[in-house]
Amino acid sequence: MSWMRGVTCQIRQWQKARARWRADMERFKAEQRAARRSGGKMPENPGPPPTGFALLPWLLMGLGAFSNLFQGETPNPWIGGLGLLAFNSLYVYVTFRAFVKETREARSTRVALALMGLVTCGLAAGYGGSWLYFFPLLGLATGAVLRGPWLGKIGFGVTVLAAVVSYFRAGWDAVNVAYGTFLSTMVTAAILSLSEAVRELRAAREELARRAVEKERLRFSRDLHDLLGHTLSVIVVKSEAARRLAHRDLDAALVQVTDIESVGRQALTEIREAVTGYREGSLATELDGARSALSAVGVEPVVRQSGPPLVPQTEALLGWVVREAVTNVVRHSGATRCEITLDGTPDRVRLTITDDGNGDEDGDGDGDGAPSASSALGIGGTGLKGLTERLTAAGGSLRAGPSPRGGFTVTAELPVEGELPTEPAELSVL
């Protein structure tokens, strides 16, 4: 039957929640022991799982009514017994559905709460005495289910209902019943709302920590790609030049070997800085490296600069563009001339890198030299995608593609003023 399947499913969910809680407690105890040994920060106690079991002990308030029924002090005991069974069943049903937002706001839960109110009024009005204490239990269930803007009005209505029915059966003792009903309604709603907010904040904090780790991993992998792609390309080019010159001009070959050593040392420094997250690229350094790399492969470098001085953040971003674009020229273009033009105005700065090669740079640094559909759109491969994300996050733009007169052109624009983040807020593709 459907209700049996529902009960079985609920029991399985309780078992899974308890198993997760036990695992969390074991991890908490292990972290606690480790923190005590190392003197570090103590971990947070995960606490018990949020289930209706926490509200079951309050049913003991109905022991007086059960005692009266068991001792035969209640008229029409069959009606009282059925009413007691119905009330307890509805209470368990409502409270166990109060800890999941979807089931808490379901119509079946609200209907069960309304039926619980009718049963409570009938038992309290019919028997009085200990049966009046079902009103605080009704308030507890109401506070567990209703935590929105209707809580105050409905809680006040339940309190007035408890006061009227109790006054009819117990006179001025109705004040105690009404007070207990109002208190149980509001306190239960406050505690459960606070507990739910704490759980949501803890989950949000864990999600933020996970995203921070993911962002740092993406930053590191992207920086490592940009650093090693350029550096290894320069080393390969200069090694080839040294091999060609070794048998006819040993001094020139030694100059290339010295440059390889210098590039390698610089790469080690940059990788250390990238790992620690403090790398600030210098545009002048990148331009010098671009001249050296282009000259080593027989490409004539032409560098033009104009405009006011740039802030360090802007220089760092443009340095990445120079590094990536020159690496693609060296590896893929087959060009004989490469122009690097930097034009600055008080508002924006533009960097243009143009070569006269075959226009096949794909910008992914994989060495295949094959054009792609994305490069025609100015998106490029891995390197240019990372640069596009960096410049977009800084309020700039990057365009890359074949030039109308042949060759390949990379154009980067950035604002001059303001704080320019060197890391994008979100990275979609690396």
Foldseek 3Di string as FASTA:
>chain_A
DVVVVVVVVLVVVVVVQQVVLVVLQVVLVVQQVVCVVVVHDRDDRPDHDDFLVVVVVVCVLLVVVVVCLVVVVFPPSVVSVVLVVLLSVLLNVLSRQLLDLVSLPDPVSVVSLVVNLVSLLVQCLRGNDSSLLVLLSSLLSLLSRDQDPCLVVVLVVSLVSSLVSNCNPPNPCSVVSSVSSSVNNVVNNVVSVVVVVVVVVVVVVVVVVVVVVVQLVVQLVLQVCLLCLLLVLLLVLLQVLLVVCVVPPVVVSVVSVVVNVVSVVVSVVQNVCSNVPNDQDALVVLVVVLCSSCVSNQAHEAEEEDDDDFDSLVRRLVSSVSSLVSSLCSQAFQFNYWYWYWDYDLWKIKIKIWTQGQFQRQSASPRPSHHDPVQQAQCGHSSSVQSQQQQVQQVKGWGKGADPNHTIMIMIMHTRDDDRDRGHPDRDGD
